[in-house]
Amino acid sequence: MNRIDRPLQAIAIDLPRADRTIERFRLSAPSDFPSRAAGELNRTAFAAAHVVADPLADNDPWLDCAIDWDRTIAFREHLWGLGLGVAEAMDTAQRGMGVDWPTSFELISRSVAAARACNGLVFSGCGTDQLAPADARSIDDVIRAYEEQIEAIEGIGGRIVLMASRALARVARSPDDYAAVYGRILESVREPVIIHWLGDMFDPALAGYWGSSNLTEAMDTATAIINAHASKVDGVKVSLLDKDREVAMRRRLKPGVLMYTGDDFNYAELIAGDAQGYSHALLGIFDVIAPAASAALVRLAANDRASFEQILASTVPLSRDIFKSPTRFYKTGVVFMAYLNGHQDHFTVVGGQESARSTLHLAEIFRLADAAGLLRDPDMAAARMRHVMASRGVGG
């Protein structure tokens, strides 16, 4: 994509540096990414979408959540318009980090209805988060919790992403317990599901998932379970931030079982693939870079790999910064970008997590978003950035 030809010399903003000095940063022109999909895609690509908080609700953000439903659904319509699917009520939507199961189910219900109205693709997170891990006594408790959510989601015509379970991670004693739980669940689902393997860098409570802290052993277990139930598995999303392990697992899956990359560091090369195959996508960063992702995927479908790589290459530094350690706080950067680009009118995050990242981190996100051409209205983005910086003691 080309940069828009417009003078921006007058748009400048004060940003802090790590040495406590202030930089006079001048914005560049945005890229002319389309606001609607410009062609067909040859990869299935989901954006794990965030929720927009209601900043005027009379609630206690650390204890309960309030959602701006209109803006939340409008953002999903933005993603569908770009040809992307929506992965609903996942960790990007702060599932288990401020958004509980009852709120998640309302979100899923609204999203499924909205998708039906515009022929959008949506799969929804199904977990066990109504069961506190400390209250789980056996794998039977975990199975019942999964089945409750499956019944609710399938009851409204929803498709399922089978999320990793904190409760299962707590009560399982061996890989056999994982095989028993997933085997029971996969036998019962109506339609093939996407299985989500979320690494402990995203959620420390999931350490040792699949029955081992050794990732090679864990992958052996996960692959065996998936291949044993291949007819009930649409695909598997791997979020380990380890491209070599993802490729290795991808090559071991039975034909017809898709790999959805969840690698927010190496997504470009994993989606492009190699002579032995490629990954589809289910990514939190696609919430942030949706226009660029759509444009790049259209070029890939047109056999223009060079343009695909060029577009996404500029987004990778931004993604690596948003998802840097501690990775579980990446939602702050996702919502911050939605605010800068006008998808919401405030920088308020469910759970009060606008405070989860530093002022220096937000400043670097702004610089990298500008470098990637992703600030679609530089005047608005600069005005909003000045407001945030002033609230944190930079400028005025």
Protein backbone atom coordinates (compact mmCIF):
# COMPACT_ATOMS: atom_id res chain seq x y z
CA MET A 1 0.00 0.00 0.00
CA ASN A 2 1.12 3.57 -0.69
CA ARG A 3 1.40 6.39 1.80
CA ILE A 4 -1.26 9.06 1.40
CA ASP A 5 0.17 12.13 -0.31
CA ARG A 6 -0.52 14.88 2.20
CA PRO A 7 1.74 17.26 4.11
CA LEU A 8 2.03 16.40 7.79
CA GLN A 9 4.86 18.69 8.83
CA ALA A 10 2.53 20.58 11.16
CA ILE A 11 1.45 17.48 13.10
CA ALA A 12 3.89 16.94 15.94
CA ILE A 13 3.65 15.72 19.49
CA ASP A 14 5.86 15.52 22.55
CA LEU A 15 6.74 11.94 23.49
CA PRO A 16 8.90 10.73 26.38
CA ARG A 17 12.12 8.79 25.94
CA ALA A 18 13.61 6.23 28.31
CA ASP A 19 16.29 8.73 29.38
CA ARG A 20 13.50 11.04 30.64
CA THR A 21 14.01 13.57 27.86
CA ILE A 22 11.15 14.65 25.61
CA GLU A 23 11.18 14.04 21.86
CA ARG A 24 9.33 16.29 19.42
CA PHE A 25 7.87 13.54 17.25
CA ARG A 26 6.52 14.37 13.79
CA LEU A 27 3.91 12.09 12.28
CA SER A 28 4.17 10.60 8.82
CA ALA A 29 1.32 9.99 6.41
CA PRO A 30 -0.83 6.87 6.89
CA SER A 31 -0.95 4.05 4.37
CA ASP A 32 -4.00 3.96 2.13
CA PHE A 33 -5.30 0.62 3.38
CA PRO A 34 -8.87 -0.02 2.23
CA SER A 35 -11.71 0.15 4.74
CA ARG A 36 -13.38 -2.85 3.08
CA ALA A 37 -11.94 -6.09 1.77
CA ALA A 38 -10.55 -5.47 -1.72
CA GLY A 39 -10.71 -9.11 -2.83
CA GLU A 40 -11.02 -12.73 -1.79
CA LEU A 41 -8.71 -14.39 0.74
CA ASN A 42 -7.10 -17.82 0.46
CA ARG A 43 -6.45 -18.12 4.18
CA THR A 44 -9.05 -18.26 6.95
CA ALA A 45 -8.12 -15.34 9.17
CA PHE A 46 -9.73 -14.55 12.51
CA ALA A 47 -9.12 -11.45 14.55
CA ALA A 48 -9.49 -12.12 18.26
CA ALA A 49 -11.53 -9.02 19.04
CA HIS A 50 -11.43 -6.79 22.12
CA VAL A 51 -14.41 -5.44 24.03
CA VAL A 52 -15.15 -1.74 24.47
CA ALA A 53 -15.71 -0.80 28.09
CA ASP A 54 -18.49 1.56 29.18
CA PRO A 55 -16.52 4.33 30.93
CA LEU A 56 -19.62 5.98 32.40
CA ALA A 57 -20.99 2.88 34.12
CA ASP A 58 -21.35 3.03 37.90
CA ASN A 59 -19.29 -0.07 38.61
CA ASP A 60 -16.03 -1.12 40.26
CA PRO A 61 -13.74 -1.99 37.32
CA TRP A 62 -11.49 -4.31 39.34
CA LEU A 63 -14.50 -6.33 40.51
CA ASP A 64 -17.02 -6.29 37.66
CA CYS A 65 -17.25 -5.19 34.05
CA ALA A 66 -19.49 -2.93 32.01
CA ILE A 67 -19.51 -3.20 28.22
CA ASP A 68 -20.44 -0.62 25.60
CA TRP A 69 -22.36 -3.07 23.43
CA ASP A 70 -22.95 -0.73 20.49
CA ARG A 71 -19.26 0.10 20.05
CA THR A 72 -18.21 -3.48 20.72
CA ILE A 73 -20.44 -4.86 17.96
CA ALA A 74 -19.57 -1.99 15.61
CA PHE A 75 -15.93 -2.99 15.88
CA ARG A 76 -16.80 -6.54 14.87
CA GLU A 77 -18.69 -5.21 11.85
CA HIS A 78 -15.50 -3.32 10.95
CA LEU A 79 -13.56 -6.63 11.05
CA TRP A 80 -16.15 -8.52 9.01
CA GLY A 81 -16.15 -5.75 6.42
CA LEU A 82 -12.42 -6.32 5.96
CA GLY A 83 -13.00 -10.00 5.21
CA LEU A 84 -11.77 -11.23 8.59
CA GLY A 85 -13.54 -13.62 10.89
CA VAL A 86 -14.09 -12.81 14.55
CA ALA A 87 -12.77 -15.03 17.31
CA GLU A 88 -15.21 -14.02 20.02
CA ALA A 89 -14.90 -13.94 23.81
CA MET A 90 -11.27 -15.05 23.76
CA ASP A 91 -8.39 -13.77 25.88
CA THR A 92 -8.20 -10.59 23.76
CA ALA A 93 -11.72 -9.83 25.02
CA GLN A 94 -10.23 -10.17 28.52
CA ARG A 95 -11.87 -13.51 29.13
CA GLY A 96 -10.78 -14.49 32.61
CA MET A 97 -9.14 -11.09 33.09
CA GLY A 98 -12.15 -8.93 33.89
CA VAL A 99 -14.86 -10.47 31.70
CA ASP A 100 -16.76 -13.35 33.30
CA TRP A 101 -18.80 -16.14 31.71
CA PRO A 102 -22.25 -14.50 31.96
CA THR A 103 -20.92 -11.35 30.27
CA SER A 104 -19.04 -13.47 27.74
CA PHE A 105 -22.20 -15.35 26.83
CA GLU A 106 -24.07 -12.11 26.27
CA LEU A 107 -21.18 -10.96 24.08
CA ILE A 108 -21.28 -14.24 22.14
CA SER A 109 -25.06 -14.01 21.69
CA ARG A 110 -24.86 -10.47 20.36
CA SER A 111 -21.93 -11.27 18.10
CA VAL A 112 -23.50 -14.40 16.63
CA ALA A 113 -26.67 -12.44 15.84
CA ALA A 114 -24.69 -9.59 14.27
CA ALA A 115 -22.63 -12.03 12.20
CA ARG A 116 -25.78 -13.69 10.91
CA ALA A 117 -27.09 -10.31 9.76
CA CYS A 118 -24.01 -9.59 7.63
CA ASN A 119 -22.85 -13.12 6.76
CA GLY A 120 -19.80 -12.73 8.94
CA LEU A 121 -17.68 -15.59 10.27
CA VAL A 122 -17.54 -16.00 14.05
CA PHE A 123 -16.26 -18.74 16.34
CA SER A 124 -16.70 -18.21 20.08
CA GLY A 125 -14.62 -19.10 23.08
CA CYS A 126 -15.94 -21.98 25.18
CA GLY A 127 -14.18 -22.63 28.47
CA THR A 128 -14.74 -23.50 32.09
CA ASP A 129 -14.41 -20.06 33.66
CA GLN A 130 -17.70 -20.33 35.56
CA LEU A 131 -15.84 -22.96 37.61
CA ALA A 132 -13.21 -21.39 39.87
CA PRO A 133 -10.05 -23.53 39.63
CA ALA A 134 -9.96 -23.82 43.42
CA ASP A 135 -13.48 -25.31 43.38
CA ALA A 136 -12.64 -28.02 40.87
CA ARG A 137 -12.26 -31.42 42.54
CA SER A 138 -12.02 -33.74 39.55
CA ILE A 139 -11.98 -33.88 35.78
CA ASP A 140 -15.72 -34.61 35.94
CA ASP A 141 -16.21 -31.08 37.30
CA VAL A 142 -14.24 -29.75 34.33
CA ILE A 143 -16.28 -31.80 31.85
CA ARG A 144 -19.55 -30.51 33.32
CA ALA A 145 -18.32 -26.91 33.08
CA TYR A 146 -17.31 -27.35 29.43
CA GLU A 147 -20.63 -29.02 28.63
CA GLU A 148 -22.60 -26.17 30.19
CA GLN A 149 -20.91 -23.62 27.94
CA ILE A 150 -21.10 -25.84 24.86
CA GLU A 151 -24.85 -26.25 25.34
CA ALA A 152 -25.29 -22.49 25.67
CA ILE A 153 -23.19 -21.58 22.61
CA GLU A 154 -24.57 -24.32 20.37
CA GLY A 155 -28.07 -23.39 21.52
CA ILE A 156 -27.79 -20.03 19.78
CA GLY A 157 -26.19 -21.50 16.66
CA GLY A 158 -22.62 -20.62 17.58
CA ARG A 159 -19.39 -22.33 16.52
CA ILE A 160 -16.83 -23.11 19.20
CA VAL A 161 -13.23 -22.38 20.02
CA LEU A 162 -12.46 -24.86 22.81
CA MET A 163 -10.34 -22.80 25.15
CA ALA A 164 -7.75 -24.15 27.56
CA SER A 165 -9.10 -24.62 31.07
CA ARG A 166 -7.43 -23.27 34.20
CA ALA A 167 -9.48 -25.73 36.22
CA LEU A 168 -8.22 -28.66 34.14
CA ALA A 169 -4.63 -27.46 34.50
CA ARG A 170 -5.16 -27.54 38.27
CA VAL A 171 -6.83 -30.95 38.70
CA ALA A 172 -5.28 -33.03 35.91
CA ARG A 173 -2.69 -35.50 37.11
CA SER A 174 -1.44 -36.89 33.81
CA PRO A 175 -1.80 -36.61 30.03
CA ASP A 176 -4.48 -39.30 30.31
CA ASP A 177 -6.72 -36.84 32.16
CA TYR A 178 -6.47 -34.42 29.22
CA ALA A 179 -7.24 -37.23 26.80
CA ALA A 180 -10.31 -38.16 28.85
CA VAL A 181 -11.66 -34.60 29.05
CA TYR A 182 -11.04 -33.65 25.42
CA GLY A 183 -12.23 -37.04 24.19
CA ARG A 184 -15.54 -36.68 26.03
CA ILE A 185 -16.07 -33.12 24.84
CA LEU A 186 -15.13 -33.74 21.23
CA GLU A 187 -17.47 -36.70 21.03
CA SER A 188 -20.39 -34.48 22.06
CA VAL A 189 -19.97 -31.32 19.96
CA ARG A 190 -22.31 -30.81 17.01
CA GLU A 191 -19.78 -29.24 14.64
CA PRO A 192 -15.98 -29.33 14.44
CA VAL A 193 -14.27 -26.98 16.88
CA ILE A 194 -11.03 -25.03 17.00
CA ILE A 195 -8.84 -26.18 19.89
CA HIS A 196 -6.87 -23.42 21.57
CA TRP A 197 -3.48 -24.12 23.12
CA LEU A 198 -2.60 -20.96 25.04
CA GLY A 199 0.92 -20.77 26.42
CA ASP A 200 1.67 -19.69 29.96
CA MET A 201 3.22 -16.44 28.71
CA PHE A 202 -0.38 -15.43 27.97
CA ASP A 203 -1.85 -17.03 31.11
CA PRO A 204 0.48 -18.29 33.87
CA ALA A 205 -2.35 -20.44 35.27
CA LEU A 206 -2.01 -22.69 32.20
CA ALA A 207 1.56 -23.78 32.91
CA GLY A 208 2.04 -27.50 32.29
CA TYR A 209 -1.00 -27.81 30.03
CA TRP A 210 -1.49 -31.19 28.32
CA GLY A 211 0.12 -32.81 31.36
CA SER A 212 3.73 -31.71 31.05
CA SER A 213 5.92 -28.63 31.42
CA ASN A 214 8.08 -30.12 28.66
CA LEU A 215 6.69 -28.60 25.46
CA THR A 216 7.78 -31.53 23.31
CA GLU A 217 5.88 -33.96 25.52
CA ALA A 218 2.90 -31.59 25.72
CA MET A 219 2.79 -31.33 21.92
CA ASP A 220 2.89 -35.11 21.59
CA THR A 221 -0.18 -35.37 23.83
CA ALA A 222 -2.09 -32.54 22.14
CA THR A 223 -1.36 -33.86 18.64
CA ALA A 224 -2.41 -37.39 19.55
CA ILE A 225 -5.73 -36.16 21.02
CA ILE A 226 -6.47 -33.93 18.03
CA ASN A 227 -5.62 -36.61 15.45
CA ALA A 228 -7.68 -39.20 17.32
CA HIS A 229 -10.74 -36.96 16.99
CA ALA A 230 -9.89 -35.29 13.68
CA SER A 231 -13.46 -35.38 12.37
CA LYS A 232 -14.54 -33.13 15.27
CA VAL A 233 -11.63 -30.69 14.96
CA ASP A 234 -11.69 -27.84 12.46
CA GLY A 235 -8.23 -26.81 13.55
CA VAL A 236 -5.90 -25.93 16.38
CA LYS A 237 -4.72 -22.48 17.42
CA VAL A 238 -1.24 -22.51 18.91
CA SER A 239 -0.17 -19.50 20.99
CA LEU A 240 3.34 -20.36 22.13
CA LEU A 241 5.28 -17.60 20.34
CA ASP A 242 7.52 -20.36 18.98
CA LYS A 243 7.35 -20.63 15.21
CA ASP A 244 9.41 -23.83 14.96
CA ARG A 245 7.11 -25.73 17.31
CA GLU A 246 4.07 -24.50 15.42
CA VAL A 247 5.48 -25.67 12.10
CA ALA A 248 6.45 -29.02 13.60
CA MET A 249 2.93 -29.54 14.96
CA ARG A 250 1.34 -28.35 11.72
CA ARG A 251 3.18 -31.07 9.80
CA ARG A 252 1.91 -33.74 12.20
CA LEU A 253 -1.80 -32.92 11.97
CA LYS A 254 -4.08 -35.19 10.00
CA PRO A 255 -5.18 -33.88 6.59
CA GLY A 256 -8.15 -31.57 6.96
CA VAL A 257 -7.17 -30.31 10.42
CA LEU A 258 -6.05 -26.70 10.05
CA MET A 259 -3.31 -24.90 11.93
CA TYR A 260 -4.30 -21.40 13.06
CA THR A 261 -1.27 -19.41 14.05
CA GLY A 262 -1.55 -17.55 17.31
CA ASP A 263 2.05 -16.35 17.05
CA ASP A 264 1.88 -12.57 17.31
CA PHE A 265 5.64 -12.37 16.69
CA ASN A 266 6.06 -14.50 13.54
CA TYR A 267 2.63 -14.48 11.88
CA ALA A 268 3.75 -13.22 8.48
CA GLU A 269 6.07 -16.10 7.65
CA LEU A 270 3.78 -18.70 9.23
CA ILE A 271 0.79 -17.56 7.17
CA ALA A 272 2.88 -17.38 3.99
CA GLY A 273 4.07 -20.91 4.65
CA ASP A 274 6.58 -23.13 2.93
CA ALA A 275 6.67 -25.99 0.46
CA GLN A 276 5.08 -28.30 3.04
CA GLY A 277 2.16 -26.11 4.07
CA TYR A 278 1.03 -22.95 5.80
CA SER A 279 -0.93 -21.69 8.78
CA HIS A 280 -4.25 -19.91 8.81
CA ALA A 281 -4.64 -17.18 11.43
CA LEU A 282 -6.37 -16.52 14.73
CA LEU A 283 -4.55 -13.52 16.13
CA GLY A 284 -5.03 -10.78 18.67
CA ILE A 285 -2.79 -8.50 16.64
CA PHE A 286 -5.28 -8.69 13.73
CA ASP A 287 -7.62 -6.63 15.94
CA VAL A 288 -4.99 -3.86 15.78
CA ILE A 289 -3.75 -4.19 12.20
CA ALA A 290 -6.99 -5.34 10.55
CA PRO A 291 -6.79 -3.02 7.50
CA ALA A 292 -3.16 -4.00 6.85
CA ALA A 293 -3.88 -7.69 7.46
CA SER A 294 -6.79 -7.62 5.03
CA ALA A 295 -4.77 -5.83 2.35
CA ALA A 296 -1.85 -8.23 2.78
CA LEU A 297 -4.02 -11.35 2.63
CA VAL A 298 -5.71 -10.12 -0.55
CA ARG A 299 -2.28 -9.74 -2.14
CA LEU A 300 -1.25 -13.22 -0.98
CA ALA A 301 -4.40 -14.68 -2.56
CA ALA A 302 -3.42 -12.94 -5.80
CA ASN A 303 -0.02 -14.69 -5.69
CA ASP A 304 1.74 -11.44 -4.85
CA ARG A 305 3.80 -12.72 -1.96
CA ALA A 306 6.23 -9.83 -2.12
CA SER A 307 3.48 -7.29 -1.40
CA PHE A 308 2.05 -9.52 1.32
CA GLU A 309 5.41 -9.65 3.05
CA GLN A 310 6.06 -5.94 2.56
CA ILE A 311 2.76 -4.90 4.12
CA LEU A 312 3.03 -7.18 7.15
CA ALA A 313 6.74 -6.56 7.72
CA SER A 314 5.97 -3.01 8.82
CA THR A 315 3.46 -4.29 11.40
CA VAL A 316 5.69 -6.84 13.11
CA PRO A 317 7.68 -4.37 15.28
CA LEU A 318 4.38 -2.94 16.55
CA SER A 319 3.04 -6.41 17.34
CA ARG A 320 6.21 -7.45 19.13
CA ASP A 321 6.01 -4.35 21.29
CA ILE A 322 2.32 -4.74 22.14
CA PHE A 323 2.86 -8.41 23.04
CA LYS A 324 6.15 -8.02 24.86
CA SER A 325 6.60 -9.58 28.28
CA PRO A 326 4.56 -9.76 30.44
CA THR A 327 2.52 -10.78 27.41
CA ARG A 328 -0.78 -11.11 29.27
CA PHE A 329 -1.00 -7.30 29.41
CA TYR A 330 -1.17 -6.96 25.63
CA LYS A 331 -4.87 -6.02 25.82
CA THR A 332 -3.85 -2.53 26.98
CA GLY A 333 -2.05 -1.88 23.70
CA VAL A 334 -4.89 -3.36 21.66
CA VAL A 335 -7.46 -1.03 23.24
CA PHE A 336 -5.05 1.91 23.04
CA MET A 337 -4.80 1.48 19.26
CA ALA A 338 -8.59 1.25 18.96
CA TYR A 339 -8.81 4.56 20.82
CA LEU A 340 -6.17 6.25 18.66
CA ASN A 341 -7.98 5.13 15.50
CA GLY A 342 -11.43 6.28 16.59
CA HIS A 343 -13.09 2.93 17.20
CA GLN A 344 -13.91 4.14 20.71
CA ASP A 345 -13.94 7.55 22.34
CA HIS A 346 -11.88 6.75 25.41
CA PHE A 347 -8.86 4.83 26.62
CA THR A 348 -10.70 2.84 29.29
CA VAL A 349 -10.04 -0.88 29.55
CA VAL A 350 -12.10 -3.52 31.33
CA GLY A 351 -10.60 -4.25 34.72
CA GLY A 352 -8.88 -0.89 34.84
CA GLN A 353 -6.07 -2.30 32.72
CA GLU A 354 -5.32 0.98 30.99
CA SER A 355 -2.81 1.19 33.86
CA ALA A 356 -1.18 -2.17 33.04
CA ARG A 357 1.45 -0.66 30.71
CA SER A 358 3.81 2.25 31.18
CA THR A 359 3.74 5.68 29.60
CA LEU A 360 6.96 4.83 27.74
CA HIS A 361 5.29 1.72 26.32
CA LEU A 362 2.32 3.72 25.02
CA ALA A 363 4.69 6.24 23.46
CA GLU A 364 6.54 3.46 21.65
CA ILE A 365 3.27 1.97 20.39
CA PHE A 366 2.42 5.38 18.93
CA ARG A 367 5.79 5.63 17.15
CA LEU A 368 5.57 2.10 15.74
CA ALA A 369 1.95 2.51 14.64
CA ASP A 370 2.96 5.67 12.78
CA ALA A 371 5.88 3.83 11.14
CA ALA A 372 3.49 1.08 10.00
CA GLY A 373 1.07 3.61 8.49
CA LEU A 374 -1.67 2.45 10.85
CA LEU A 375 -2.78 5.79 12.32
CA ARG A 376 -5.60 6.31 9.86
CA ASP A 377 -6.32 9.92 10.91
CA PRO A 378 -3.05 11.47 12.14
CA ASP A 379 -4.75 14.66 13.37
CA MET A 380 -7.15 12.71 15.57
CA ALA A 381 -4.46 10.27 16.71
CA ALA A 382 -2.15 13.12 17.70
CA ALA A 383 -4.91 14.93 19.60
CA ARG A 384 -5.81 11.79 21.49
CA MET A 385 -2.18 10.97 22.21
CA ARG A 386 -1.64 14.46 23.63
CA HIS A 387 -4.58 13.89 25.96
CA VAL A 388 -3.20 10.57 27.21
CA MET A 389 0.31 11.95 27.63
CA ALA A 390 -1.02 14.99 29.54
CA SER A 391 -2.94 12.67 31.90
CA ARG A 392 0.40 10.97 32.63
CA GLY A 393 2.38 14.16 33.17
CA VAL A 394 3.87 14.68 29.71
CA GLY A 395 3.12 18.05 28.07
CA GLY A 396 -0.12 19.78 28.85
